[in-house]
Amino acid sequence: MVPHLAFDFVEPREITVWSAMRRLTLEGIELLDAIARAGSFSGAGLLLNKVTSTVSYSVAKLESDLEVTLFFRHGPKVELTPAGRELLEEGRVLLQAADDLECRVKRVADGWENEIRIAVDALIPPLMFGSLFERFCVDAPATRVKLMSEVMTGPWEALLDGRADVIVAVGQGPSGGGFRSKKLTELQFCFCVAPKHPLAEWKGTLPSEVVRKHRTIVVSDTARRLPTRTVGLLRGQQVLAVPDMRTKYALQVAGLGVGFLPRLFVRSALKKGLLVEKQVEEPKPDDQVLLAWRTSEQGKALKWWRDTLGDTDLVLQFLSRASQAWVAEY
C-alpha cells in the first residue's frame, strides 16, 4: 500500500517576500534612519560618510528587494512613504535592541552578569538602595538589577531556589551547601506593649500563662517551600499575622497586641512613651543580620554587591534610618 504523502503548498509570492525580508539588515535600517534625519540622500551620505550615489543605490536596492516604495522623491529632498515610516518606526526598535544586546554581550564577556538578583529582609526598605543603584549603574550600566523584599526565611529560600544571587537576611538560614555567609551585626529584641494595654501595669516579670491570654502580633514568613519561622508565639495564644515588622510595630503602638520588636527600632518609641518594655519568662534570643551569596556564581556584579553590602557600617546605617522612619509617623 502506498503511503499518503501530504505537502504544504506555499505561494511563490510568499517565498519571494520572505526572501526579501531576510535581506533587510540593520545596516539598511540605519540607512533609512539617517535619510529620515537628514531629509536627503546627500545629507545622509554626510552622516554615514558615504557618497550620494552609494546612498541612492542602496535605497533603490532595498526598495527592489522589499518590493515597496520607501521614499517620495522631491528633487534633492525625500520624504518617507507610509510604508517607509512603518519600517523606520519598527526598525528603530530593532536598532536599539541590537545596541543593548551588543552592550550586554560585551559586559558578559568582561565578566559582568546580565542580571543580578538581590533579596533583602523587609526591615530595610528598598528605597534605601537608591544611592547604591546609582553607583552600580555607573560601573555596570548593562547589568539589570532585580530587588526583592522578603521576610524571615524568605531571603534564604530565594537564595537556595536560585531566585536571588545575594541576600541580606535576619536570622540563620537552613543548613546545606551552595552558599557562603558573613555576619554583619546583631539585633536585640524586647517585649513591648502599648501604655494603655493591660499588661503595661504588670509588676515584675510577666509569666507565660499571663502573656498567653493576650493577642500577639507576628510577622508572616514569606517562605513558600522551606519551613517557616514563628517567633514569640505561645501555645494557644490568639494571633494577628501581618506582612512586615513595620506594620507589627504600628499595631502594637495602637494597643492591638503584644510581641517582640527589634530594640534598635523601638528605642525612641520607648523614650517617648509610645511603648512600654516588659520582662517575660521566655525572652527572644538575639538575631544575626547576615549577608549570604551563591558560591556557584563568580561574576563581577555579584562581587560588587557582596563587597558593598558586606560593609557593616552601611547596613547599620540602613537599619538606623529605617528605625527613624518608624517613629517619624507618630
Protein backbone atom coordinates (compact mmCIF):
# COMPACT_ATOMS: atom_id res chain seq x y z
CA MET A 1 0.00 0.00 0.00
CA VAL A 2 1.45 3.37 -1.00
CA PRO A 3 1.53 5.75 1.99
CA HIS A 4 -0.32 9.03 1.68
CA LEU A 5 2.06 11.98 1.47
CA ALA A 6 0.92 15.45 2.46
CA PHE A 7 2.64 18.66 1.34
CA ASP A 8 2.07 22.24 2.46
CA PHE A 9 1.75 24.45 -0.60
CA VAL A 10 3.38 27.85 -0.31
CA GLU A 11 2.61 30.54 -2.84
CA PRO A 12 5.70 31.65 -4.81
CA ARG A 13 4.82 35.22 -3.84
CA GLU A 14 5.21 34.32 -0.12
CA ILE A 15 8.63 32.80 -0.79
CA THR A 16 9.73 35.93 -2.64
CA VAL A 17 8.59 38.27 0.15
CA TRP A 18 10.20 36.10 2.83
CA SER A 19 13.49 36.04 0.97
CA ALA A 20 13.37 39.81 0.56
CA MET A 21 12.62 40.40 4.24
CA ARG A 22 15.57 38.25 5.21
CA ARG A 23 17.75 40.70 3.27
CA LEU A 24 16.58 43.61 5.44
CA THR A 25 19.65 44.23 7.57
CA LEU A 26 20.44 46.55 10.46
CA GLU A 27 22.63 48.48 8.04
CA GLY A 28 19.60 49.05 5.84
CA ILE A 29 17.57 50.32 8.79
CA GLU A 30 20.44 52.63 9.79
CA LEU A 31 20.43 53.99 6.24
CA LEU A 32 16.70 54.77 6.45
CA ASP A 33 17.20 56.42 9.81
CA ALA A 34 20.00 58.63 8.51
CA ILE A 35 17.97 59.72 5.46
CA ALA A 36 14.93 60.49 7.64
CA ARG A 37 17.06 62.62 9.97
CA ALA A 38 18.92 64.42 7.17
CA GLY A 39 15.97 64.84 4.79
CA SER A 40 18.03 63.95 1.71
CA PHE A 41 20.32 61.31 0.27
CA SER A 42 23.25 63.73 0.21
CA GLY A 43 22.69 64.68 3.86
CA ALA A 44 22.55 61.02 4.83
CA GLY A 45 25.79 60.48 2.93
CA LEU A 46 27.49 63.07 5.12
CA LEU A 47 26.15 61.39 8.27
CA LEU A 48 27.29 57.94 7.13
CA ASN A 49 30.49 59.07 5.38
CA LYS A 50 29.25 57.74 2.03
CA VAL A 51 28.89 59.37 -1.37
CA THR A 52 25.39 60.28 -2.50
CA SER A 53 25.40 57.77 -5.36
CA THR A 54 26.09 54.92 -2.92
CA VAL A 55 23.19 56.00 -0.70
CA SER A 56 20.87 56.28 -3.71
CA TYR A 57 21.88 52.85 -4.99
CA SER A 58 21.41 51.24 -1.55
CA VAL A 59 17.91 52.70 -1.23
CA ALA A 60 16.94 51.55 -4.71
CA LYS A 61 18.18 48.02 -3.98
CA LEU A 62 16.34 47.91 -0.65
CA GLU A 63 13.10 49.05 -2.31
CA SER A 64 13.58 46.44 -5.03
CA ASP A 65 14.20 43.66 -2.52
CA LEU A 66 11.16 44.59 -0.45
CA GLU A 67 9.06 45.50 -3.50
CA VAL A 68 7.81 48.65 -1.77
CA THR A 69 8.47 52.35 -2.22
CA LEU A 70 10.11 53.77 0.88
CA PHE A 71 10.60 57.41 -0.17
CA PHE A 72 8.79 60.07 -2.18
CA ARG A 73 11.38 61.98 -4.22
CA HIS A 74 11.02 65.77 -4.45
CA GLY A 75 14.17 66.73 -6.25
CA PRO A 76 17.06 66.59 -3.75
CA LYS A 77 14.59 66.29 -0.89
CA VAL A 78 12.96 63.00 0.06
CA GLU A 79 10.04 62.06 2.29
CA LEU A 80 9.14 58.70 3.79
CA THR A 81 6.12 56.92 2.42
CA PRO A 82 3.66 55.36 4.90
CA ALA A 83 5.44 52.03 4.36
CA GLY A 84 8.79 53.73 4.94
CA ARG A 85 7.56 55.33 8.17
CA GLU A 86 6.31 51.99 9.45
CA LEU A 87 9.58 50.29 8.60
CA LEU A 88 11.60 53.06 10.25
CA GLU A 89 9.47 53.11 13.41
CA GLU A 90 9.79 49.39 13.97
CA GLY A 91 13.36 49.36 12.71
CA ARG A 92 14.49 51.88 15.32
CA VAL A 93 13.23 49.48 17.99
CA LEU A 94 15.39 46.77 16.43
CA LEU A 95 18.40 49.09 16.31
CA GLN A 96 18.02 49.91 20.00
CA ALA A 97 17.60 46.24 20.86
CA ALA A 98 20.70 45.38 18.84
CA ASP A 99 22.71 48.09 20.63
CA ASP A 100 21.50 46.83 24.00
CA LEU A 101 22.33 43.24 23.08
CA GLU A 102 25.80 44.20 21.89
CA CYS A 103 26.44 46.09 25.11
CA ARG A 104 25.23 43.19 27.26
CA VAL A 105 27.30 40.67 25.34
CA LYS A 106 30.41 42.79 25.81
CA ARG A 107 29.68 43.18 29.53
CA VAL A 108 29.19 39.44 29.95
CA ALA A 109 32.43 38.82 28.09
CA ASP A 110 34.11 41.20 30.53
CA GLY A 111 32.74 39.23 33.49
CA TRP A 112 29.61 41.27 34.29
CA GLU A 113 26.37 39.32 34.61
CA ASN A 114 23.34 40.14 32.51
CA GLU A 115 21.23 40.35 35.70
CA ILE A 116 21.89 40.44 39.45
CA ARG A 117 19.10 39.48 41.87
CA ILE A 118 19.10 40.76 45.45
CA ALA A 119 16.72 39.67 48.22
CA VAL A 120 16.66 41.83 51.37
CA ASP A 121 14.78 41.45 54.62
CA ALA A 122 11.84 43.84 54.74
CA LEU A 123 13.40 45.61 57.74
CA ILE A 124 15.47 47.51 55.16
CA PRO A 125 13.14 49.40 52.77
CA PRO A 126 14.08 49.05 49.07
CA LEU A 127 14.13 52.86 48.69
CA MET A 128 17.32 52.95 50.73
CA PHE A 129 19.15 51.24 47.88
CA GLY A 130 18.72 54.26 45.60
CA SER A 131 22.25 55.61 46.04
CA LEU A 132 23.73 52.11 45.64
CA PHE A 133 21.84 51.60 42.39
CA GLU A 134 23.19 54.88 41.08
CA ARG A 135 26.76 53.85 41.88
CA PHE A 136 26.30 50.38 40.47
CA CYS A 137 24.86 51.65 37.18
CA VAL A 138 27.98 53.73 36.63
CA ASP A 139 30.15 50.61 36.94
CA ALA A 140 27.76 48.19 35.21
CA PRO A 141 25.25 50.08 33.02
CA ALA A 142 24.21 46.95 31.10
CA THR A 143 23.51 44.72 34.11
CA ARG A 144 19.88 44.59 35.17
CA VAL A 145 19.15 44.71 38.91
CA LYS A 146 16.21 42.88 40.47
CA LEU A 147 15.49 43.77 44.11
CA MET A 148 13.15 41.62 46.21
CA SER A 149 11.76 42.24 49.70
CA GLU A 150 11.34 39.11 51.81
CA VAL A 151 10.66 38.30 55.47
CA MET A 152 12.37 35.89 57.88
CA THR A 153 13.11 32.66 55.96
CA GLY A 154 12.05 34.26 52.67
CA PRO A 155 15.50 35.61 51.66
CA TRP A 156 17.13 32.24 52.35
CA GLU A 157 14.59 30.39 50.26
CA ALA A 158 15.10 32.85 47.39
CA LEU A 159 18.86 32.18 47.59
CA LEU A 160 18.55 28.39 47.75
CA ASP A 161 15.93 28.25 44.98
CA GLY A 162 18.10 30.33 42.66
CA ARG A 163 15.74 33.33 42.63
CA ALA A 164 18.39 35.51 44.30
CA ASP A 165 22.17 35.72 43.93
CA VAL A 166 22.87 37.66 47.13
CA ILE A 167 20.73 38.32 50.22
CA VAL A 168 20.62 40.29 53.45
CA ALA A 169 18.67 38.21 55.96
CA VAL A 170 17.71 38.44 59.62
CA GLY A 171 18.24 35.09 61.33
CA GLN A 172 20.23 31.99 60.45
CA GLY A 173 19.37 30.15 57.28
CA PRO A 174 18.87 26.41 56.74
CA SER A 175 21.84 24.10 56.74
CA GLY A 176 23.27 22.99 53.44
CA GLY A 177 25.80 23.95 50.81
CA GLY A 178 25.67 26.21 47.80
CA PHE A 179 26.19 29.49 49.63
CA ARG A 180 28.51 31.40 51.94
CA SER A 181 27.52 33.91 54.60
CA LYS A 182 29.01 36.76 56.59
CA LYS A 183 27.73 38.18 59.87
CA LEU A 184 27.02 41.91 59.60
CA THR A 185 25.56 42.74 63.01
CA GLU A 186 23.13 41.51 65.67
CA LEU A 187 19.64 42.66 66.54
CA GLN A 188 18.37 42.56 70.10
CA PHE A 189 14.64 42.14 70.70
CA CYS A 190 12.46 43.36 73.54
CA PHE A 191 8.89 42.50 74.53
CA CYS A 192 6.72 45.62 74.09
CA VAL A 193 3.17 46.67 74.86
CA ALA A 194 1.29 49.93 74.46
CA PRO A 195 0.93 52.10 77.62
CA LYS A 196 -2.83 51.53 77.61
CA HIS A 197 -2.51 47.76 77.26
CA PRO A 198 -3.49 45.73 80.40
CA LEU A 199 -0.01 44.15 80.60
CA ALA A 200 1.60 47.59 80.91
CA GLU A 201 0.59 47.73 84.58
CA TRP A 202 2.03 44.33 85.44
CA LYS A 203 4.79 44.49 88.06
CA GLY A 204 7.87 42.32 87.58
CA THR A 205 8.44 39.55 85.06
CA LEU A 206 5.41 38.52 83.02
CA PRO A 207 4.60 34.79 83.40
CA SER A 208 3.99 32.95 80.14
CA GLU A 209 0.49 31.92 81.26
CA VAL A 210 -0.40 35.61 81.64
CA VAL A 211 1.07 36.62 78.25
CA ARG A 212 -0.77 33.71 76.61
CA LYS A 213 -4.12 35.33 77.44
CA HIS A 214 -3.40 38.33 75.23
CA ARG A 215 -3.26 38.65 71.46
CA THR A 216 0.21 38.59 69.93
CA ILE A 217 1.16 40.23 66.65
CA VAL A 218 3.57 38.28 64.46
CA VAL A 219 5.16 38.85 61.07
CA SER A 220 4.27 36.34 58.36
CA ASP A 221 7.23 34.45 56.92
CA THR A 222 7.39 34.82 53.13
CA ALA A 223 8.96 31.39 52.54
CA ARG A 224 6.90 29.24 50.19
CA ARG A 225 8.70 25.91 50.45
CA LEU A 226 11.04 25.94 53.46
CA PRO A 227 9.66 25.56 57.00
CA THR A 228 8.54 28.97 58.19
CA ARG A 229 9.68 30.54 61.46
CA THR A 230 7.37 31.76 64.21
CA VAL A 231 8.90 33.96 66.89
CA GLY A 232 7.46 34.70 70.34
CA LEU A 233 4.27 32.70 69.92
CA LEU A 234 2.89 30.76 72.89
CA ARG A 235 0.68 27.70 72.50
CA GLY A 236 -3.00 28.63 72.42
CA GLN A 237 -2.33 32.36 72.07
CA GLN A 238 -4.53 34.44 69.78
CA VAL A 239 -2.52 35.60 66.76
CA LEU A 240 -2.69 38.52 64.37
CA ALA A 241 -0.31 37.94 61.45
CA VAL A 242 0.91 40.98 59.47
CA PRO A 243 3.11 41.32 56.35
CA ASP A 244 6.09 43.16 57.86
CA MET A 245 7.73 44.37 61.06
CA ARG A 246 6.74 48.00 60.50
CA THR A 247 3.05 47.06 60.47
CA LYS A 248 3.57 44.97 63.60
CA TYR A 249 5.16 47.97 65.32
CA ALA A 250 2.30 50.29 64.35
CA LEU A 251 -0.37 47.88 65.61
CA GLN A 252 1.46 47.34 68.91
CA VAL A 253 1.70 51.11 69.40
CA ALA A 254 -2.05 51.19 68.79
CA GLY A 255 -2.53 48.64 71.56
CA LEU A 256 -3.94 45.89 69.32
CA GLY A 257 -1.50 43.26 70.51
CA VAL A 258 1.85 42.46 72.10
CA GLY A 259 5.11 40.93 70.97
CA PHE A 260 8.85 41.24 70.40
CA LEU A 261 10.31 44.13 68.41
CA PRO A 262 13.92 45.00 67.46
CA ARG A 263 15.36 47.19 70.21
CA LEU A 264 17.15 49.39 67.66
CA PHE A 265 13.80 50.20 66.07
CA VAL A 266 11.87 50.97 69.27
CA ARG A 267 14.40 52.87 71.41
CA SER A 268 12.87 56.23 70.50
CA ALA A 269 9.35 54.87 70.92
CA LEU A 270 10.24 53.63 74.42
CA LYS A 271 11.72 57.02 75.36
CA LYS A 272 8.66 58.85 74.04
CA GLY A 273 6.30 56.54 75.92
CA LEU A 274 4.73 55.10 72.80
CA LEU A 275 5.65 51.63 74.02
CA VAL A 276 6.50 50.01 77.35
CA GLU A 277 9.11 47.27 77.63
CA LYS A 278 8.25 44.30 79.84
CA GLN A 279 10.37 41.39 81.04
CA VAL A 280 9.00 37.94 80.18
CA GLU A 281 9.78 34.39 81.24
CA GLU A 282 10.64 33.38 77.68
CA PRO A 283 12.69 36.18 76.08
CA LYS A 284 13.60 36.12 72.42
CA PRO A 285 17.29 35.46 71.65
CA ASP A 286 19.26 37.98 69.60
CA ASP A 287 19.14 37.53 65.82
CA GLN A 288 22.07 37.90 63.45
CA VAL A 289 21.88 40.04 60.33
CA LEU A 290 23.68 38.06 57.64
CA LEU A 291 24.93 38.62 54.13
CA ALA A 292 24.87 35.47 52.00
CA TRP A 293 25.60 34.72 48.38
CA ARG A 294 25.60 31.83 45.93
CA THR A 295 29.05 30.25 45.58
CA SER A 296 28.24 28.91 42.12
CA GLU A 297 28.31 32.46 40.72
CA GLN A 298 31.59 34.32 40.27
CA GLY A 299 30.62 37.40 38.24
CA LYS A 300 31.71 40.97 38.82
CA ALA A 301 28.19 42.17 39.66
CA LEU A 302 27.88 39.63 42.47
CA LYS A 303 31.30 40.67 43.80
CA TRP A 304 30.29 44.35 43.63
CA TRP A 305 27.15 43.82 45.71
CA ARG A 306 28.84 41.33 48.03
CA ASP A 307 31.60 43.83 48.80
CA THR A 308 29.21 46.78 49.10
CA LEU A 309 26.60 45.09 51.29
CA GLY A 310 29.38 43.45 53.31
CA ASP A 311 30.13 46.87 54.81
CA THR A 312 28.80 46.58 58.36
CA ASP A 313 28.63 50.36 58.80
CA LEU A 314 26.44 50.69 55.69
CA VAL A 315 23.96 48.05 56.88
CA LEU A 316 23.82 49.62 60.36
CA GLN A 317 23.14 52.98 58.71
CA PHE A 318 20.30 51.46 56.71
CA LEU A 319 18.78 49.87 59.82
CA SER A 320 19.10 53.11 61.79
CA ARG A 321 17.45 55.16 59.06
CA ALA A 322 14.65 52.61 58.80
CA SER A 323 14.04 52.79 62.56
CA GLN A 324 13.86 56.59 62.43
CA ALA A 325 11.19 56.37 59.74
CA TRP A 326 9.02 54.24 62.03
CA VAL A 327 8.99 56.80 64.86
CA ALA A 328 8.55 59.74 62.47
CA GLU A 329 4.96 58.62 61.81
CA TYR A 330 3.93 59.19 65.45
